[in-house]
Amino acid sequence: MLPFTAWAARSVHTAFGEVALPDTPKRVVTLHEGALDTALAVGITPLGAVTTRGGDGVARYIEAHLGEERPAIVGVVREINLEAVLALEPDLILAPPQLSEAQYRLLSRMAPTVVPLSEGLDPELWRDETRLYAQALGRGAEIEALLEQVDARAAEIAEDKAGDESPGAVVVRWMPQGPMVMSDQLFTAGLLRASGVAIHDAGLTSEGRPHSDTLSLENLARLEADWMFLATLNEEGREALEAARQSPAFVRLDVAARDRVVPVDGQLWTSASGPLAALAILDELDAALTP
C-alpha cells in the first residue's frame, strides 16, 4: 500500500506542521464545537463529535442543523474517547486548539488530524480556526461566503442602532455556584462589538482567562451595564439563576429594574464558535435590542 502522503492531494498548515489531506474527505470526526459548527455550515455532517460544555450531547443550537443523520458522541470537551474515534474509521479528524502533542500523536495515527494554531484569547481568532477547518474539508469558498454573511448581519444591527447612544453590555455565565463574568476577548464579545454594543468585563477577568472567579451576589453591582446577558448551561444553572433573581442584591441592580436582563443559552453564548453560532447569537442580540 502506498503511504498516505503519496496519494494525498492537498495539505494545510496546522499547530503540528503541514498535514496532508485526502482530496474529498468522507468520514469526518470533529473533536471541537467550532469544528462541528463549521462542518455543518458547509453541508457536512460528521460521523463523530464531542459533547457541548454542560451537556451530554451536542449544543442545543446545533440541533436545528441536524437531520436524521447524527454524529456519534466520542468524548467530552477535555476527554476524548480514542477507541470510539478509531471505531468510526475516520479519514479526517478536526481537533481543538491546544490539543496536547501526546493526543495528537495518537489521533494522527488514525487519520490526518488538523489542529489550529491558536494562542491566547482573541475575539477574532475563531475566523482563522473556521477557515482552517473549512480548508481541510475542501470547502474554503463556501466558508468565505458565510463569514461575509456574519459580517453583513452584524453591520445591519449596528446600522439599525446608529442613531442611538452605543449601549454597553456584560455577558455573565450563571453556574450553580454563582455568577462569573465572561471575558471581553471571547467570540461573543467580538460579535457584540461588531454590532455596535460596547461590551466589557468590569475588569474582573485576568489576562488569558475566559471568565472571572465566581462572584458573590453583593459584587453584582460591579457588573452594571445597559444590558446584561445571563447565560446558563443546563437545568442546574437555570435553577440557581431563578433563585438568585429573587434576592435583594439582584433586584437592586439598575439593569434589572430597567428590565434589561436577558436570559440566553450558555451553550451558544459562552461555549460555541463558528458561523452558525455567530448568526444565531446575532439574531438573538437583534431581538433583544429591538423594542
Protein backbone atom coordinates (compact mmCIF):
# COMPACT_ATOMS: atom_id res chain seq x y z
CA MET A 1 0.00 0.00 0.00
CA LEU A 2 1.27 3.50 -0.82
CA PRO A 3 1.87 5.81 2.15
CA PHE A 4 -0.87 8.35 2.70
CA THR A 5 1.31 11.27 1.56
CA ALA A 6 1.74 9.59 -1.82
CA TRP A 7 -1.92 9.95 -2.73
CA ALA A 8 -2.95 12.97 -0.69
CA ALA A 9 -3.90 15.81 -3.00
CA ARG A 10 -3.83 18.71 -0.54
CA SER A 11 -2.24 19.93 2.67
CA VAL A 12 -2.85 22.59 5.33
CA HIS A 13 -0.57 24.23 7.87
CA THR A 14 -1.50 23.34 11.46
CA ALA A 15 -0.17 23.65 15.00
CA PHE A 16 1.84 20.47 14.34
CA GLY A 17 3.13 21.45 10.93
CA GLU A 18 1.98 20.61 7.43
CA VAL A 19 -0.73 17.93 7.28
CA ALA A 20 -1.52 16.07 4.06
CA LEU A 21 -5.23 15.58 3.37
CA PRO A 22 -7.47 13.47 1.16
CA ASP A 23 -8.97 15.45 -1.72
CA THR A 24 -12.56 14.77 -0.63
CA PRO A 25 -12.81 13.59 2.99
CA LYS A 26 -15.89 11.46 3.57
CA ARG A 27 -15.52 10.16 7.11
CA VAL A 28 -15.01 13.24 9.28
CA VAL A 29 -14.78 13.33 13.09
CA THR A 30 -14.90 16.68 14.92
CA LEU A 31 -13.42 16.99 18.42
CA HIS A 32 -14.17 20.69 18.86
CA GLU A 33 -17.50 22.52 18.88
CA GLY A 34 -16.23 25.08 16.40
CA ALA A 35 -15.23 22.30 14.02
CA LEU A 36 -18.68 20.71 14.24
CA ASP A 37 -20.29 24.11 13.58
CA THR A 38 -18.07 24.71 10.55
CA ALA A 39 -18.65 21.25 9.09
CA LEU A 40 -22.43 21.59 9.35
CA ALA A 41 -22.27 25.13 7.95
CA VAL A 42 -20.69 23.82 4.73
CA GLY A 43 -23.08 20.89 4.44
CA ILE A 44 -21.07 18.06 6.03
CA THR A 45 -22.45 16.05 8.95
CA PRO A 46 -19.53 14.49 10.85
CA LEU A 47 -19.61 10.86 11.92
CA GLY A 48 -18.48 11.81 15.43
CA ALA A 49 -18.41 14.82 17.76
CA VAL A 50 -17.80 15.70 21.41
CA THR A 51 -20.44 16.92 23.82
CA THR A 52 -21.04 20.59 24.49
CA ARG A 53 -19.94 22.07 27.80
CA GLY A 54 -22.54 21.36 30.48
CA GLY A 55 -24.45 18.82 28.37
CA ASP A 56 -24.44 15.19 27.34
CA GLY A 57 -24.92 15.79 23.63
CA VAL A 58 -24.29 18.47 21.02
CA ALA A 59 -25.28 22.07 21.75
CA ARG A 60 -28.96 22.94 21.55
CA TYR A 61 -28.47 25.43 18.71
CA ILE A 62 -26.79 22.69 16.65
CA GLU A 63 -29.94 20.56 16.78
CA ALA A 64 -31.62 22.85 14.22
CA HIS A 65 -28.92 21.88 11.70
CA LEU A 66 -29.15 18.11 12.14
CA GLY A 67 -31.48 15.80 10.31
CA GLU A 68 -31.92 12.08 10.89
CA GLU A 69 -28.17 11.64 10.42
CA ARG A 70 -26.45 12.49 13.72
CA PRO A 71 -22.81 12.34 14.86
CA ALA A 72 -21.90 9.72 17.44
CA ILE A 73 -20.58 11.12 20.71
CA VAL A 74 -16.88 10.30 21.05
CA GLY A 75 -15.99 12.22 24.19
CA VAL A 76 -16.45 15.39 26.19
CA VAL A 77 -14.74 18.74 25.86
CA ARG A 78 -11.50 17.75 27.59
CA GLU A 79 -11.58 13.96 27.36
CA ILE A 80 -11.64 12.17 24.01
CA ASN A 81 -12.60 8.51 23.78
CA LEU A 82 -9.86 7.33 21.44
CA GLU A 83 -11.38 3.89 20.96
CA ALA A 84 -14.69 5.47 19.88
CA VAL A 85 -12.86 7.67 17.37
CA LEU A 86 -10.94 4.71 15.97
CA ALA A 87 -14.14 2.67 15.61
CA LEU A 88 -15.53 5.30 13.21
CA GLU A 89 -12.59 4.76 10.81
CA PRO A 90 -12.19 8.49 10.05
CA ASP A 91 -10.31 9.84 7.05
CA LEU A 92 -10.10 13.31 8.65
CA ILE A 93 -10.10 14.47 12.28
CA LEU A 94 -10.75 18.13 13.14
CA ALA A 95 -9.29 18.65 16.60
CA PRO A 96 -9.40 21.51 19.12
CA PRO A 97 -6.73 24.18 19.54
CA GLN A 98 -4.24 23.41 22.31
CA LEU A 99 -4.60 19.66 21.77
CA SER A 100 -1.69 18.01 23.58
CA GLU A 101 1.10 16.58 21.47
CA ALA A 102 0.60 13.17 23.06
CA GLN A 103 -3.05 13.07 21.96
CA TYR A 104 -2.13 14.43 18.55
CA ARG A 105 0.34 11.61 18.01
CA LEU A 106 -2.32 9.03 18.83
CA LEU A 107 -5.03 10.65 16.71
CA SER A 108 -2.77 11.27 13.72
CA ARG A 109 -2.09 7.52 13.54
CA MET A 110 -5.81 7.04 12.87
CA ALA A 111 -6.27 9.80 10.26
CA PRO A 112 -4.89 13.20 9.22
CA THR A 113 -5.55 15.41 12.26
CA VAL A 114 -5.98 19.18 11.91
CA VAL A 115 -5.19 21.32 14.98
CA PRO A 116 -5.50 25.13 14.66
CA LEU A 117 -2.52 27.20 15.73
CA SER A 118 -4.42 29.37 18.23
CA GLU A 119 -2.76 31.14 21.13
CA GLY A 120 -4.32 33.27 23.84
CA LEU A 121 -7.73 34.94 23.77
CA ASP A 122 -8.80 36.99 20.78
CA PRO A 123 -12.40 37.67 19.73
CA GLU A 124 -11.46 37.20 16.06
CA LEU A 125 -9.42 34.01 16.46
CA TRP A 126 -12.44 31.87 15.58
CA ARG A 127 -12.29 33.11 12.00
CA ASP A 128 -8.83 31.61 11.45
CA GLU A 129 -9.96 28.36 13.06
CA THR A 130 -13.08 28.26 10.91
CA ARG A 131 -11.10 28.89 7.73
CA LEU A 132 -8.63 26.13 8.58
CA TYR A 133 -11.35 23.58 9.28
CA ALA A 134 -13.16 24.54 6.06
CA GLN A 135 -9.96 24.27 4.02
CA ALA A 136 -9.36 20.82 5.47
CA LEU A 137 -12.87 19.86 4.36
CA GLY A 138 -12.26 21.27 0.87
CA ARG A 139 -14.91 23.95 1.39
CA GLY A 140 -12.88 27.16 1.61
CA ALA A 141 -15.03 29.16 -0.82
CA GLU A 142 -18.24 28.25 0.96
CA ILE A 143 -16.94 29.39 4.33
CA GLU A 144 -15.83 32.78 2.99
CA ALA A 145 -19.40 33.41 1.85
CA LEU A 146 -20.68 32.53 5.33
CA LEU A 147 -18.16 34.80 7.05
CA GLU A 148 -19.30 37.63 4.80
CA GLN A 149 -22.88 36.85 5.84
CA VAL A 150 -21.89 37.13 9.51
CA ASP A 151 -20.21 40.49 8.90
CA ALA A 152 -23.20 41.79 6.97
CA ARG A 153 -25.62 40.74 9.72
CA ALA A 154 -23.54 42.48 12.41
CA ALA A 155 -23.26 45.62 10.27
CA GLU A 156 -27.03 45.60 9.76
CA ILE A 157 -27.64 45.56 13.53
CA ALA A 158 -25.08 48.33 14.07
CA GLU A 159 -26.68 50.43 11.35
CA ASP A 160 -30.14 50.00 12.88
CA LYS A 161 -28.78 51.35 16.18
CA ALA A 162 -26.61 54.06 14.60
CA GLY A 163 -28.87 56.88 15.78
CA ASP A 164 -28.83 55.69 19.39
CA GLU A 165 -26.13 56.05 22.00
CA SER A 166 -23.92 52.96 21.87
CA PRO A 167 -25.28 50.55 24.50
CA GLY A 168 -22.95 48.76 26.90
CA ALA A 169 -23.31 45.11 27.90
CA VAL A 170 -21.85 42.35 30.03
CA VAL A 171 -22.17 38.61 29.47
CA VAL A 172 -22.48 36.57 32.66
CA ARG A 173 -22.46 32.79 32.94
CA TRP A 174 -24.60 31.67 35.88
CA MET A 175 -23.45 28.43 37.46
CA PRO A 176 -24.92 26.57 40.45
CA GLN A 177 -22.04 28.07 42.48
CA GLY A 178 -22.86 31.60 41.35
CA PRO A 179 -22.15 34.10 38.55
CA MET A 180 -18.96 34.56 36.51
CA VAL A 181 -18.44 37.45 34.12
CA MET A 182 -17.14 36.35 30.73
CA SER A 183 -14.03 37.92 29.23
CA ASP A 184 -14.47 40.74 26.74
CA GLN A 185 -11.93 38.92 24.50
CA LEU A 186 -14.16 35.97 23.64
CA PHE A 187 -16.05 35.02 20.47
CA THR A 188 -19.37 36.53 21.57
CA ALA A 189 -17.73 39.79 22.65
CA GLY A 190 -16.38 40.34 19.14
CA LEU A 191 -19.82 39.81 17.62
CA LEU A 192 -21.43 42.28 20.02
CA ARG A 193 -18.78 44.93 19.30
CA ALA A 194 -19.26 44.50 15.56
CA SER A 195 -22.97 45.09 16.18
CA GLY A 196 -22.36 48.41 17.90
CA VAL A 197 -22.52 47.16 21.50
CA ALA A 198 -19.72 48.20 23.87
CA ILE A 199 -19.06 45.05 25.86
CA HIS A 200 -16.90 44.96 28.99
CA ASP A 201 -15.97 42.54 31.77
CA ALA A 202 -15.86 45.12 34.59
CA GLY A 203 -12.12 44.48 34.95
CA LEU A 204 -12.88 41.21 36.73
CA THR A 205 -11.17 38.75 34.37
CA SER A 206 -7.44 38.15 34.34
CA GLU A 207 -5.46 38.25 31.09
CA GLY A 208 -5.74 34.98 29.23
CA ARG A 209 -8.66 33.68 31.30
CA PRO A 210 -12.09 33.19 29.69
CA HIS A 211 -14.05 34.25 32.77
CA SER A 212 -13.75 35.63 36.28
CA ASP A 213 -13.81 33.72 39.51
CA THR A 214 -17.26 33.10 40.93
CA LEU A 215 -18.71 36.38 42.23
CA SER A 216 -20.80 36.93 45.31
CA LEU A 217 -24.28 38.37 44.81
CA GLU A 218 -23.09 41.53 46.58
CA ASN A 219 -20.45 42.06 43.86
CA LEU A 220 -23.05 42.00 41.10
CA ALA A 221 -23.27 45.79 41.28
CA ARG A 222 -19.83 45.92 39.62
CA LEU A 223 -21.39 44.42 36.51
CA GLU A 224 -23.76 47.32 35.84
CA ALA A 225 -24.34 47.99 32.15
CA ASP A 226 -27.15 48.95 29.80
CA TRP A 227 -27.72 45.26 29.11
CA MET A 228 -26.85 42.06 30.92
CA PHE A 229 -26.96 38.77 29.02
CA LEU A 230 -27.31 35.95 31.56
CA ALA A 231 -26.19 32.59 30.25
CA THR A 232 -26.91 29.20 31.80
CA LEU A 233 -25.50 25.90 30.55
CA ASN A 234 -28.03 23.45 31.96
CA GLU A 235 -31.02 22.97 34.25
CA GLU A 236 -28.95 23.30 37.44
CA GLY A 237 -27.70 26.69 36.31
CA ARG A 238 -31.21 27.83 35.42
CA GLU A 239 -32.50 26.83 38.86
CA ALA A 240 -29.64 28.70 40.57
CA LEU A 241 -30.32 31.78 38.48
CA GLU A 242 -34.03 31.70 39.25
CA ALA A 243 -33.28 31.56 42.97
CA ALA A 244 -30.77 34.42 42.70
CA ARG A 245 -33.24 36.65 40.85
CA GLN A 246 -35.38 36.70 43.99
CA SER A 247 -32.52 38.06 46.11
CA PRO A 248 -32.37 41.74 47.19
CA ALA A 249 -28.88 42.10 45.64
CA PHE A 250 -30.23 41.12 42.22
CA VAL A 251 -33.41 43.17 42.50
CA ARG A 252 -31.35 46.28 43.35
CA LEU A 253 -29.43 46.12 40.07
CA ASP A 254 -30.33 49.06 37.87
CA VAL A 255 -30.21 46.85 34.78
CA ALA A 256 -32.75 44.53 36.43
CA ALA A 257 -35.02 47.43 37.36
CA ARG A 258 -34.98 48.54 33.71
CA ASP A 259 -35.88 45.01 32.60
CA ARG A 260 -32.73 44.66 30.52
CA VAL A 261 -31.51 41.36 31.91
CA VAL A 262 -31.76 38.89 29.02
CA PRO A 263 -31.55 35.12 29.68
CA VAL A 264 -29.58 33.35 26.94
CA ASP A 265 -28.39 29.82 26.22
CA GLY A 266 -24.90 29.41 27.66
CA GLN A 267 -24.11 26.55 25.29
CA LEU A 268 -24.43 29.11 22.48
CA TRP A 269 -23.34 32.41 24.05
CA THR A 270 -20.41 31.23 26.20
CA SER A 271 -19.15 27.95 24.69
CA ALA A 272 -19.78 27.88 20.95
CA SER A 273 -17.90 29.29 17.98
CA GLY A 274 -18.32 29.17 14.22
CA PRO A 275 -20.54 30.79 11.59
CA LEU A 276 -23.77 29.06 12.63
CA ALA A 277 -23.25 30.13 16.24
CA ALA A 278 -22.40 33.66 15.14
CA LEU A 279 -25.59 34.05 13.12
CA ALA A 280 -27.70 32.60 15.93
CA ILE A 281 -26.19 34.98 18.51
CA LEU A 282 -26.67 37.98 16.22
CA ASP A 283 -30.33 37.10 15.67
CA GLU A 284 -30.89 36.87 19.44
CA LEU A 285 -28.99 40.11 20.03
CA ASP A 286 -31.08 41.93 17.45
CA ALA A 287 -34.30 40.61 19.01
CA ALA A 288 -33.18 41.75 22.48
CA LEU A 289 -32.21 45.27 21.39
CA THR A 290 -35.28 45.84 19.24
CA PRO A 291 -38.13 47.46 21.22
